[in-house]
C-alpha atoms as a PDB file:
ATOM      1  CA  MET A   1      43.726  13.511  21.979  1.00  0.00           C
ATOM      2  CA  ARG A   2      44.188  13.788  18.254  1.00  0.00           C
ATOM      3  CA  SER A   3      41.754  10.980  17.535  1.00  0.00           C
ATOM      4  CA  ASN A   4      39.108  12.587  19.802  1.00  0.00           C
ATOM      5  CA  ARG A   5      39.423  15.779  17.828  1.00  0.00           C
ATOM      6  CA  ARG A   6      38.917  13.893  14.565  1.00  0.00           C
ATOM      7  CA  LEU A   7      35.865  12.157  15.999  1.00  0.00           C
ATOM      8  CA  ARG A   8      34.356  15.496  16.971  1.00  0.00           C
ATOM      9  CA  LEU A   9      35.054  16.938  13.532  1.00  0.00           C
ATOM     10  CA  THR A  10      33.239  14.005  11.956  1.00  0.00           C
ATOM     11  CA  ALA A  11      30.294  14.068  14.370  1.00  0.00           C
ATOM     12  CA  ILE A  12      29.585  17.806  14.108  1.00  0.00           C
ATOM     13  CA  PRO A  13      28.506  17.795  10.405  1.00  0.00           C
ATOM     14  CA  LEU A  14      26.362  14.711  10.950  1.00  0.00           C
ATOM     15  CA  ALA A  15      24.656  16.300  13.942  1.00  0.00           C
ATOM     16  CA  LEU A  16      23.999  19.487  11.954  1.00  0.00           C
ATOM     17  CA  VAL A  17      22.496  17.577   9.020  1.00  0.00           C
ATOM     18  CA  THR A  18      20.256  15.538  11.327  1.00  0.00           C
ATOM     19  CA  THR A  19      19.091  18.649  13.243  1.00  0.00           C
ATOM     20  CA  ILE A  20      18.268  20.549  10.053  1.00  0.00           C
ATOM     21  CA  ALA A  21      16.378  17.579   8.618  1.00  0.00           C
ATOM     22  CA  LEU A  22      14.267  17.120  11.746  1.00  0.00           C
ATOM     23  CA  ALA A  23      13.634  20.861  12.160  1.00  0.00           C
ATOM     24  CA  GLY A  24      12.366  21.123   8.600  1.00  0.00           C
ATOM     25  CA  CYS A  25       9.715  18.425   8.916  1.00  0.00           C
ATOM     26  CA  THR A  26       6.634  19.174   6.838  1.00  0.00           C
ATOM     27  CA  THR A  27       3.227  17.523   7.045  1.00  0.00           C
ATOM     28  CA  GLN A  28       4.204  15.238   4.171  1.00  0.00           C
ATOM     29  CA  MET A  29       7.429  14.292   5.924  1.00  0.00           C
ATOM     30  CA  GLN A  30       5.505  13.485   9.101  1.00  0.00           C
ATOM     31  CA  LEU A  31       3.315  11.161   6.995  1.00  0.00           C
ATOM     32  CA  GLY A  32       6.377   9.586   5.431  1.00  0.00           C
ATOM     33  CA  TRP A  33       5.216  10.988   2.069  1.00  0.00           C
ATOM     34  CA  LEU A  34       2.252   8.618   2.065  1.00  0.00           C
ATOM     35  CA  PRO A  35      -0.639   9.654  -0.247  1.00  0.00           C
ATOM     36  CA  THR A  36      -3.308  10.048   2.425  1.00  0.00           C
ATOM     37  CA  GLU A  37      -4.450  11.926   5.532  1.00  0.00           C
ATOM     38  CA  PRO A  38      -4.756  10.647   9.099  1.00  0.00           C
ATOM     39  CA  GLY A  39      -8.211   9.308   9.895  1.00  0.00           C
ATOM     40  CA  THR A  40      -9.228   8.471   6.314  1.00  0.00           C
ATOM     41  CA  THR A  41     -10.225   4.999   7.529  1.00  0.00           C
ATOM     42  CA  ASN A  42     -10.022   3.207  10.851  1.00  0.00           C
ATOM     43  CA  GLN A  43      -6.806   1.518   9.599  1.00  0.00           C
ATOM     44  CA  VAL A  44      -4.843   4.360   8.020  1.00  0.00           C
ATOM     45  CA  ASP A  45      -3.306   5.736  11.229  1.00  0.00           C
ATOM     46  CA  ARG A  46      -1.954   2.291  12.109  1.00  0.00           C
ATOM     47  CA  VAL A  47      -0.251   1.980   8.706  1.00  0.00           C
ATOM     48  CA  ILE A  48       1.141   5.526   8.946  1.00  0.00           C
ATOM     49  CA  GLY A  49       2.574   4.805  12.394  1.00  0.00           C
ATOM     50  CA  LEU A  50       4.267   1.602  11.238  1.00  0.00           C
ATOM     51  CA  TRP A  51       5.690   3.207   8.098  1.00  0.00           C
ATOM     52  CA  VAL A  52       6.959   6.434   9.676  1.00  0.00           C
ATOM     53  CA  THR A  53       8.527   4.642  12.644  1.00  0.00           C
ATOM     54  CA  SER A  54      10.254   2.232  10.255  1.00  0.00           C
ATOM     55  CA  TRP A  55      11.837   4.860   8.046  1.00  0.00           C
ATOM     56  CA  ILE A  56      12.945   6.968  11.036  1.00  0.00           C
ATOM     57  CA  VAL A  57      14.698   3.943  12.551  1.00  0.00           C
ATOM     58  CA  LEU A  58      16.295   3.102   9.216  1.00  0.00           C
ATOM     59  CA  LEU A  59      17.315   6.736   8.694  1.00  0.00           C
ATOM     60  CA  VAL A  60      19.095   6.704  12.055  1.00  0.00           C
ATOM     61  CA  VAL A  61      20.818   3.436  11.119  1.00  0.00           C
ATOM     62  CA  GLY A  62      21.806   4.936   7.768  1.00  0.00           C
ATOM     63  CA  VAL A  63      23.225   8.105   9.322  1.00  0.00           C
ATOM     64  CA  ILE A  64      25.274   6.080  11.812  1.00  0.00           C
ATOM     65  CA  THR A  65      26.531   3.792   9.033  1.00  0.00           C
ATOM     66  CA  TRP A  66      27.446   6.688   6.754  1.00  0.00           C
ATOM     67  CA  GLY A  67      29.169   8.420   9.681  1.00  0.00           C
ATOM     68  CA  LEU A  68      31.254   5.338  10.467  1.00  0.00           C
ATOM     69  CA  ILE A  69      32.223   4.930   6.816  1.00  0.00           C
ATOM     70  CA  ILE A  70      33.309   8.590   6.561  1.00  0.00           C
ATOM     71  CA  TRP A  71      35.108   8.391   9.905  1.00  0.00           C
ATOM     72  CA  ALA A  72      37.005   5.245   8.863  1.00  0.00           C
ATOM     73  CA  ALA A  73      37.922   6.785   5.494  1.00  0.00           C
ATOM     74  CA  ILE A  74      39.324   9.892   7.192  1.00  0.00           C
ATOM     75  CA  VAL A  75      41.066   8.339  10.196  1.00  0.00           C
ATOM     76  CA  TYR A  76      42.627   5.382   8.384  1.00  0.00           C
ATOM     77  CA  ARG A  77      43.535   7.094   5.122  1.00  0.00           C
ATOM     78  CA  ARG A  78      47.081   6.978   3.801  1.00  0.00           C
ATOM     79  CA  ARG A  79      48.964  10.097   4.918  1.00  0.00           C
ATOM     80  CA  LYS A  80      51.302  12.146   2.803  1.00  0.00           C
ATOM     81  CA  GLY A  81      54.700  10.516   2.639  1.00  0.00           C
ATOM     82  CA  GLN A  82      53.407   7.077   3.664  1.00  0.00           C
ATOM     83  CA  THR A  83      53.827   4.010   1.474  1.00  0.00           C
ATOM     84  CA  GLY A  84      52.141   0.654   1.473  1.00  0.00           C
ATOM     85  CA  LEU A  85      48.816  -0.156   3.093  1.00  0.00           C
ATOM     86  CA  PRO A  86      47.535   1.674   6.193  1.00  0.00           C
ATOM     87  CA  ALA A  87      47.494  -0.268   9.457  1.00  0.00           C
ATOM     88  CA  GLN A  88      45.021  -3.149   9.183  1.00  0.00           C
ATOM     89  CA  LEU A  89      42.593  -4.141  11.949  1.00  0.00           C
ATOM     90  CA  ARG A  90      41.175  -7.676  12.116  1.00  0.00           C
ATOM     91  CA  TYR A  91      38.991  -9.901  14.224  1.00  0.00           C
ATOM     92  CA  ASN A  92      37.416  -7.461  16.649  1.00  0.00           C
ATOM     93  CA  MET A  93      34.916  -9.893  18.132  1.00  0.00           C
ATOM     94  CA  PRO A  94      32.829  -7.361  20.149  1.00  0.00           C
ATOM     95  CA  ILE A  95      32.281  -5.192  17.056  1.00  0.00           C
ATOM     96  CA  GLU A  96      31.494  -8.198  14.850  1.00  0.00           C
ATOM     97  CA  ALA A  97      29.012  -9.492  17.420  1.00  0.00           C
ATOM     98  CA  PHE A  98      27.460  -6.025  17.568  1.00  0.00           C
ATOM     99  CA  TYR A  99      27.100  -5.909  13.763  1.00  0.00           C
ATOM    100  CA  THR A 100      25.340  -9.292  13.876  1.00  0.00           C
ATOM    101  CA  VAL A 101      23.030  -8.772  16.848  1.00  0.00           C
ATOM    102  CA  VAL A 102      21.755  -5.273  16.023  1.00  0.00           C
ATOM    103  CA  PRO A 103      20.499  -6.107  12.478  1.00  0.00           C
ATOM    104  CA  LEU A 104      18.893  -9.277  13.856  1.00  0.00           C
ATOM    105  CA  ILE A 105      17.044  -7.256  16.508  1.00  0.00           C
ATOM    106  CA  LEU A 106      15.908  -4.737  13.878  1.00  0.00           C
ATOM    107  CA  VAL A 107      14.599  -7.434  11.529  1.00  0.00           C
ATOM    108  CA  LEU A 108      12.755  -9.245  14.338  1.00  0.00           C
ATOM    109  CA  GLY A 109      11.327  -5.937  15.565  1.00  0.00           C
ATOM    110  CA  PHE A 110      10.059  -4.949  12.112  1.00  0.00           C
ATOM    111  CA  PHE A 111       8.551  -8.410  11.666  1.00  0.00           C
ATOM    112  CA  ALA A 112       6.804  -8.340  15.056  1.00  0.00           C
ATOM    113  CA  PHE A 113       5.242  -4.893  14.598  1.00  0.00           C
ATOM    114  CA  THR A 114       4.229  -5.653  11.002  1.00  0.00           C
ATOM    115  CA  ALA A 115       2.612  -8.959  12.033  1.00  0.00           C
ATOM    116  CA  ARG A 116       0.764  -7.209  14.885  1.00  0.00           C
ATOM    117  CA  ASP A 117      -0.644  -4.462  12.641  1.00  0.00           C
ATOM    118  CA  GLN A 118      -1.488  -6.823   9.808  1.00  0.00           C
ATOM    119  CA  ALA A 119      -3.419  -9.074  12.195  1.00  0.00           C
ATOM    120  CA  GLU A 120      -5.435  -6.059  13.370  1.00  0.00           C
ATOM    121  CA  ILE A 121      -6.149  -4.897   9.810  1.00  0.00           C
ATOM    122  CA  GLU A 122      -7.098  -8.366   8.588  1.00  0.00           C
ATOM    123  CA  ALA A 123      -9.410  -9.079  11.533  1.00  0.00           C
ATOM    124  CA  PRO A 124     -13.058  -9.377  10.387  1.00  0.00           C
ATOM    125  CA  LEU A 125     -15.554  -6.782  11.603  1.00  0.00           C
ATOM    126  CA  ALA A 126     -18.547  -8.329  13.321  1.00  0.00           C
ATOM    127  CA  ASP A 127     -21.930  -7.644  11.693  1.00  0.00           C
ATOM    128  CA  PRO A 128     -20.780  -5.425   8.788  1.00  0.00           C
ATOM    129  CA  ASP A 129     -23.280  -2.748   7.749  1.00  0.00           C
ATOM    130  CA  THR A 130     -22.448  -3.025   4.050  1.00  0.00           C
ATOM    131  CA  VAL A 131     -21.195  -6.038   2.102  1.00  0.00           C
ATOM    132  CA  ILE A 132     -19.796  -5.330  -1.366  1.00  0.00           C
ATOM    133  CA  GLU A 133     -18.465  -7.882  -3.816  1.00  0.00           C
ATOM    134  CA  VAL A 134     -15.779  -6.539  -6.167  1.00  0.00           C
ATOM    135  CA  TYR A 135     -14.888  -8.401  -9.364  1.00  0.00           C
ATOM    136  CA  GLY A 136     -11.722  -7.459 -11.231  1.00  0.00           C
ATOM    137  CA  LYS A 137     -11.834  -8.097 -14.950  1.00  0.00           C
ATOM    138  CA  ARG A 138      -9.578  -7.124 -17.844  1.00  0.00           C
ATOM    139  CA  TRP A 139      -9.637  -4.160 -17.597  1.00  0.00           C
ATOM    140  CA  ALA A 140     -12.407  -2.820 -15.382  1.00  0.00           C
ATOM    141  CA  TRP A 141     -14.485  -3.543 -12.293  1.00  0.00           C
ATOM    142  CA  ASP A 142     -17.907  -4.880 -11.326  1.00  0.00           C
ATOM    143  CA  PHE A 143     -19.380  -3.877  -7.959  1.00  0.00           C
ATOM    144  CA  ASN A 144     -22.115  -6.000  -6.378  1.00  0.00           C
ATOM    145  CA  TYR A 145     -23.788  -4.286  -3.428  1.00  0.00           C
ATOM    146  CA  ILE A 146     -24.796  -7.543  -1.755  1.00  0.00           C
ATOM    147  CA  THR A 147     -26.618  -5.988   1.202  1.00  0.00           C
ATOM    148  CA  GLU A 148     -28.837  -3.907  -1.116  1.00  0.00           C
ATOM    149  CA  ASP A 149     -29.055  -6.512  -3.961  1.00  0.00           C
ATOM    150  CA  VAL A 150     -27.966  -4.135  -6.735  1.00  0.00           C
ATOM    151  CA  TYR A 151     -24.890  -3.980  -8.963  1.00  0.00           C
ATOM    152  CA  TYR A 152     -22.743  -1.689 -11.086  1.00  0.00           C
ATOM    153  CA  ALA A 153     -20.912  -2.910 -14.194  1.00  0.00           C
ATOM    154  CA  GLY A 154     -17.841  -0.869 -15.080  1.00  0.00           C
ATOM    155  CA  ILE A 155     -15.799  -0.342 -18.219  1.00  0.00           C
ATOM    156  CA  GLN A 156     -12.087   0.386 -18.547  1.00  0.00           C
ATOM    157  CA  ALA A 157     -10.875   3.982 -18.474  1.00  0.00           C
ATOM    158  CA  GLN A 158     -11.501   5.815 -21.743  1.00  0.00           C
ATOM    159  CA  GLU A 159      -8.767   7.957 -23.315  1.00  0.00           C
ATOM    160  CA  THR A 160      -9.828  11.124 -25.135  1.00  0.00           C
ATOM    161  CA  GLY A 161      -8.155  13.970 -27.002  1.00  0.00           C
ATOM    162  CA  PRO A 162      -4.773  14.180 -28.673  1.00  0.00           C
ATOM    163  CA  ASN A 163      -2.936  13.633 -25.376  1.00  0.00           C
ATOM    164  CA  ASN A 164      -4.951  10.512 -24.444  1.00  0.00           C
ATOM    165  CA  THR A 165      -6.385  12.186 -21.338  1.00  0.00           C
ATOM    166  CA  ILE A 166      -8.437   9.896 -19.112  1.00  0.00           C
ATOM    167  CA  ASP A 167     -12.158  10.659 -19.203  1.00  0.00           C
ATOM    168  CA  ALA A 168     -12.902  10.841 -15.462  1.00  0.00           C
ATOM    169  CA  ASP A 169     -16.651  10.484 -16.032  1.00  0.00           C
ATOM    170  CA  SER A 170     -16.169   7.034 -17.578  1.00  0.00           C
ATOM    171  CA  LEU A 171     -14.383   5.545 -14.560  1.00  0.00           C
ATOM    172  CA  PRO A 172     -16.226   2.945 -12.479  1.00  0.00           C
ATOM    173  CA  THR A 173     -17.159   4.391  -9.100  1.00  0.00           C
ATOM    174  CA  LEU A 174     -17.495   2.501  -5.844  1.00  0.00           C
ATOM    175  CA  TYR A 175     -19.754   4.174  -3.269  1.00  0.00           C
ATOM    176  CA  LEU A 176     -19.171   3.684   0.451  1.00  0.00           C
ATOM    177  CA  PRO A 177     -21.188   5.042   3.398  1.00  0.00           C
ATOM    178  CA  VAL A 178     -19.065   7.057   5.825  1.00  0.00           C
ATOM    179  CA  GLY A 179     -18.752   5.700   9.355  1.00  0.00           C
ATOM    180  CA  GLN A 180     -20.178   2.281   8.467  1.00  0.00           C
ATOM    181  CA  LYS A 181     -18.509  -1.121   8.781  1.00  0.00           C
ATOM    182  CA  VAL A 182     -17.696  -2.367   5.286  1.00  0.00           C
ATOM    183  CA  GLU A 183     -16.886  -5.876   4.128  1.00  0.00           C
ATOM    184  CA  ILE A 184     -15.310  -6.147   0.666  1.00  0.00           C
ATOM    185  CA  ARG A 185     -15.321  -9.550  -1.022  1.00  0.00           C
ATOM    186  CA  ILE A 186     -12.587  -9.575  -3.638  1.00  0.00           C
ATOM    187  CA  GLU A 187     -12.831 -11.785  -6.744  1.00  0.00           C
ATOM    188  CA  SER A 188     -11.325 -12.067 -10.229  1.00  0.00           C
ATOM    189  CA  ARG A 189     -13.049 -12.979 -13.468  1.00  0.00           C
ATOM    190  CA  ASP A 190      -9.916 -13.916 -15.409  1.00  0.00           C
ATOM    191  CA  VAL A 191      -6.301 -13.340 -14.276  1.00  0.00           C
ATOM    192  CA  ILE A 192      -4.650 -12.082 -11.093  1.00  0.00           C
ATOM    193  CA  HIS A 193      -5.464  -8.443 -10.341  1.00  0.00           C
ATOM    194  CA  SER A 194      -4.981  -6.362  -7.191  1.00  0.00           C
ATOM    195  CA  PHE A 195      -7.648  -4.149  -5.616  1.00  0.00           C
ATOM    196  CA  TRP A 196      -5.988  -0.955  -4.372  1.00  0.00           C
ATOM    197  CA  ILE A 197      -7.622   2.157  -2.917  1.00  0.00           C
ATOM    198  CA  VAL A 198      -4.572   4.397  -2.805  1.00  0.00           C
ATOM    199  CA  ASP A 199      -5.543   6.689   0.085  1.00  0.00           C
ATOM    200  CA  PHE A 200      -6.647   3.738   2.227  1.00  0.00           C
ATOM    201  CA  LEU A 201      -3.034   2.443   2.229  1.00  0.00           C
ATOM    202  CA  TYR A 202      -3.993  -1.161   1.634  1.00  0.00           C
ATOM    203  CA  LYS A 203      -4.496  -3.522  -1.263  1.00  0.00           C
ATOM    204  CA  LYS A 204      -5.566  -7.117  -1.712  1.00  0.00           C
ATOM    205  CA  ASP A 205      -4.808  -9.529  -4.519  1.00  0.00           C
ATOM    206  CA  MET A 206      -7.679 -10.777  -6.687  1.00  0.00           C
ATOM    207  CA  ILE A 207      -6.972 -14.418  -7.485  1.00  0.00           C
ATOM    208  CA  PRO A 208      -9.158 -16.545  -9.778  1.00  0.00           C
ATOM    209  CA  ALA A 209     -11.257 -19.122  -7.889  1.00  0.00           C
ATOM    210  CA  LYS A 210     -10.336 -17.579  -4.513  1.00  0.00           C
ATOM    211  CA  THR A 211     -12.240 -15.041  -2.426  1.00  0.00           C
ATOM    212  CA  ASN A 212     -10.255 -12.524  -0.391  1.00  0.00           C
ATOM    213  CA  TYR A 213     -11.780 -10.207   2.210  1.00  0.00           C
ATOM    214  CA  TRP A 214     -11.081  -6.696   3.426  1.00  0.00           C
ATOM    215  CA  TYR A 215     -12.831  -5.103   6.401  1.00  0.00           C
ATOM    216  CA  PHE A 216     -12.631  -1.392   7.236  1.00  0.00           C
ATOM    217  CA  ILE A 217     -14.591   1.719   8.225  1.00  0.00           C
ATOM    218  CA  PRO A 218     -14.301   4.775   5.930  1.00  0.00           C
ATOM    219  CA  GLU A 219     -14.192   7.786   8.236  1.00  0.00           C
ATOM    220  CA  LYS A 220     -13.810  10.796   5.911  1.00  0.00           C
ATOM    221  CA  GLU A 221     -16.128  11.788   3.096  1.00  0.00           C
ATOM    222  CA  GLY A 222     -14.428  12.505  -0.198  1.00  0.00           C
ATOM    223  CA  THR A 223     -13.346  11.175  -3.568  1.00  0.00           C
ATOM    224  CA  TYR A 224     -10.453   8.715  -3.662  1.00  0.00           C
ATOM    225  CA  THR A 225      -8.588   6.987  -6.466  1.00  0.00           C
ATOM    226  CA  GLY A 226      -8.265   3.282  -7.024  1.00  0.00           C
ATOM    227  CA  LYS A 227      -6.415   1.103  -9.479  1.00  0.00           C
ATOM    228  CA  CYS A 228      -5.211  -2.389 -10.219  1.00  0.00           C
ATOM    229  CA  ALA A 229      -1.796  -2.910  -8.619  1.00  0.00           C
ATOM    230  CA  GLU A 230      -0.903  -6.164 -10.402  1.00  0.00           C
ATOM    231  CA  LEU A 231       0.291  -6.228 -14.010  1.00  0.00           C
ATOM    232  CA  CYS A 232      -2.593  -7.968 -15.759  1.00  0.00           C
ATOM    233  CA  GLY A 233      -2.174  -7.376 -19.458  1.00  0.00           C
ATOM    234  CA  GLU A 234      -2.123  -4.826 -22.249  1.00  0.00           C
ATOM    235  CA  TYR A 235      -4.457  -2.239 -20.689  1.00  0.00           C
ATOM    236  CA  HIS A 236      -3.453  -2.673 -17.059  1.00  0.00           C
ATOM    237  CA  SER A 237      -2.742   1.075 -16.810  1.00  0.00           C
ATOM    238  CA  LEU A 238      -6.391   1.809 -17.708  1.00  0.00           C
ATOM    239  CA  MET A 239      -7.840  -0.424 -14.986  1.00  0.00           C
ATOM    240  CA  LEU A 240      -8.821   2.536 -12.814  1.00  0.00           C
ATOM    241  CA  PHE A 241     -11.757   3.404 -10.578  1.00  0.00           C
ATOM    242  CA  ASN A 242     -12.948   6.059  -8.148  1.00  0.00           C
ATOM    243  CA  VAL A 243     -14.244   5.702  -4.609  1.00  0.00           C
ATOM    244  CA  GLU A 244     -16.879   8.046  -3.238  1.00  0.00           C
ATOM    245  CA  VAL A 245     -17.234   8.039   0.547  1.00  0.00           C
ATOM    246  CA  VAL A 246     -20.568   9.749   1.168  1.00  0.00           C
ATOM    247  CA  SER A 247     -23.186  10.225   3.856  1.00  0.00           C
ATOM    248  CA  GLN A 248     -25.695   7.472   4.491  1.00  0.00           C
ATOM    249  CA  ALA A 249     -28.413   9.510   2.773  1.00  0.00           C
ATOM    250  CA  GLU A 250     -26.287   9.976  -0.370  1.00  0.00           C
ATOM    251  CA  TYR A 251     -25.379   6.305  -0.330  1.00  0.00           C
ATOM    252  CA  ASP A 252     -29.029   5.267  -0.096  1.00  0.00           C
ATOM    253  CA  ALA A 253     -29.896   7.636  -2.956  1.00  0.00           C
ATOM    254  CA  TYR A 254     -27.186   6.106  -5.124  1.00  0.00           C
ATOM    255  CA  ILE A 255     -28.421   2.584  -4.383  1.00  0.00           C
ATOM    256  CA  GLU A 256     -31.923   3.630  -5.363  1.00  0.00           C
ATOM    257  CA  SER A 257     -30.601   5.096  -8.635  1.00  0.00           C
ATOM    258  CA  LEU A 258     -29.061   1.708  -9.490  1.00  0.00           C
ATOM    259  CA  ARG A 259     -32.331   0.014  -8.661  1.00  0.00           C
ATOM    260  CA  ALA A 260     -34.236   2.473 -10.842  1.00  0.00           C
ATOM    261  CA  GLU A 261     -31.897   1.667 -13.766  1.00  0.00           C
ATOM    262  CA  GLY A 262     -32.795  -2.007 -13.412  1.00  0.00           C
ATOM    263  CA  ASN A 263     -29.438  -3.065 -11.982  1.00  0.00           C
ATOM    264  CA  VAL A 264     -31.036  -5.460  -9.532  1.00  0.00           C
ATOM    265  CA  GLY A 265     -29.328  -8.680  -8.510  1.00  0.00           C
ATOM    266  CA  ARG A 266     -25.710  -9.746  -8.793  1.00  0.00           C
ATOM    267  CA  LEU A 267     -23.119 -10.088 -11.535  1.00  0.00           C
ATOM    268  CA  GLY A 268     -21.676 -13.339 -10.247  1.00  0.00           C
ATOM    269  CA  PRO A 269     -19.154 -15.978 -11.374  1.00  0.00           C
ATOM    270  CA  GLU A 270     -21.299 -16.898 -14.372  1.00  0.00           C
ATOM    271  CA  PHE A 271     -19.630 -13.969 -16.163  1.00  0.00           C
ATOM    272  CA  ASN A 272     -16.077 -15.163 -15.467  1.00  0.00           C
ATOM    273  CA  THR A 273     -13.974 -15.564 -18.607  1.00  0.00           C
ATOM    274  CA  ASN A 274     -11.315 -17.879 -17.177  1.00  0.00           C
ATOM    275  CA  THR A 275     -12.399 -21.349 -18.311  1.00  0.00           C
ATOM    276  CA  ASN A 276      -9.370 -23.200 -16.944  1.00  0.00           C
ATOM    277  CA  LEU A 277     -10.394 -23.184 -13.299  1.00  0.00           C
ATOM    278  CA  PRO A 278     -11.256 -26.384 -11.398  1.00  0.00           C
ATOM    279  CA  GLY A 279     -14.861 -27.361 -12.001  1.00  0.00           C
ATOM    280  CA  THR A 280     -15.324 -25.385 -15.214  1.00  0.00           C
ATOM    281  CA  THR A 281     -16.319 -27.018 -18.481  1.00  0.00           C
ATOM    282  CA  GLY A 282     -14.982 -24.436 -20.931  1.00  0.00           C
ATOM    283  CA  ALA A 283     -12.919 -26.996 -22.875  1.00  0.00           C
ATOM    284  CA  THR A 284     -14.669 -29.802 -24.722  1.00  0.00           C
ATOM    285  CA  GLU A 285     -13.749 -33.467 -24.397  1.00  0.00           C
ATOM    286  CA  GLU A 286     -12.565 -33.582 -28.050  1.00  0.00           C
ATOM    287  CA  GLU A 287     -10.022 -30.798 -27.331  1.00  0.00           C
END
């Protein structure tokens, strides 16, 4: 009877905390504090679902674990007037089996759902409407619009003023047509970089001498931020870019502006600066 009362006293605060937390859910909490909005691309909702479900499950596990720790500390504490160690419990096989099986199920479950969603995200889109080749370089970006046979050569972010504020107008900008199937071919000119469009909730490594691919459909017009997500040298923090998801008409107008500037063709591997890759002849025989 006494132990039941203690159990209730322990469970009541935990139940109150959980109820208050769930009742106070904001939009950001429902997104798991991810930096995006549902429907930004055809893949974002899948990532949000996986992430939010994961942290809710882990929150429940954490609350139960904390509750058991507090309960054990209260119930099995040394009472006033007692000496020596409290009564010790050992070798409870059902509980030990439970503590082994449940984490195993959780890990396998997380792995299965992650593998399922990753396979969907990585699946190529048939007949992409736009193919863009992205080259990462220390510390900027080149964008080759393969379908339209034009290119944009970027420079690293420029710092201005006494506080070293980033000049937004100097950032390389990648244009994408809304509602169109996009194939991104991801390359590096020198060292390992990582191509990350923050609001799209996905990033791909840029590895010298290897082409990675990313397929998606941008579904909301707007301006999004991008950056390198792999430490690549002294000015890694300035390897920034913007993404403009625009209507097809705006996209076509931008492509024509590149063509009018003479940016016709492709900035390909001939501009790579890494001379230690297989097949390169950067080092002479005498060296």
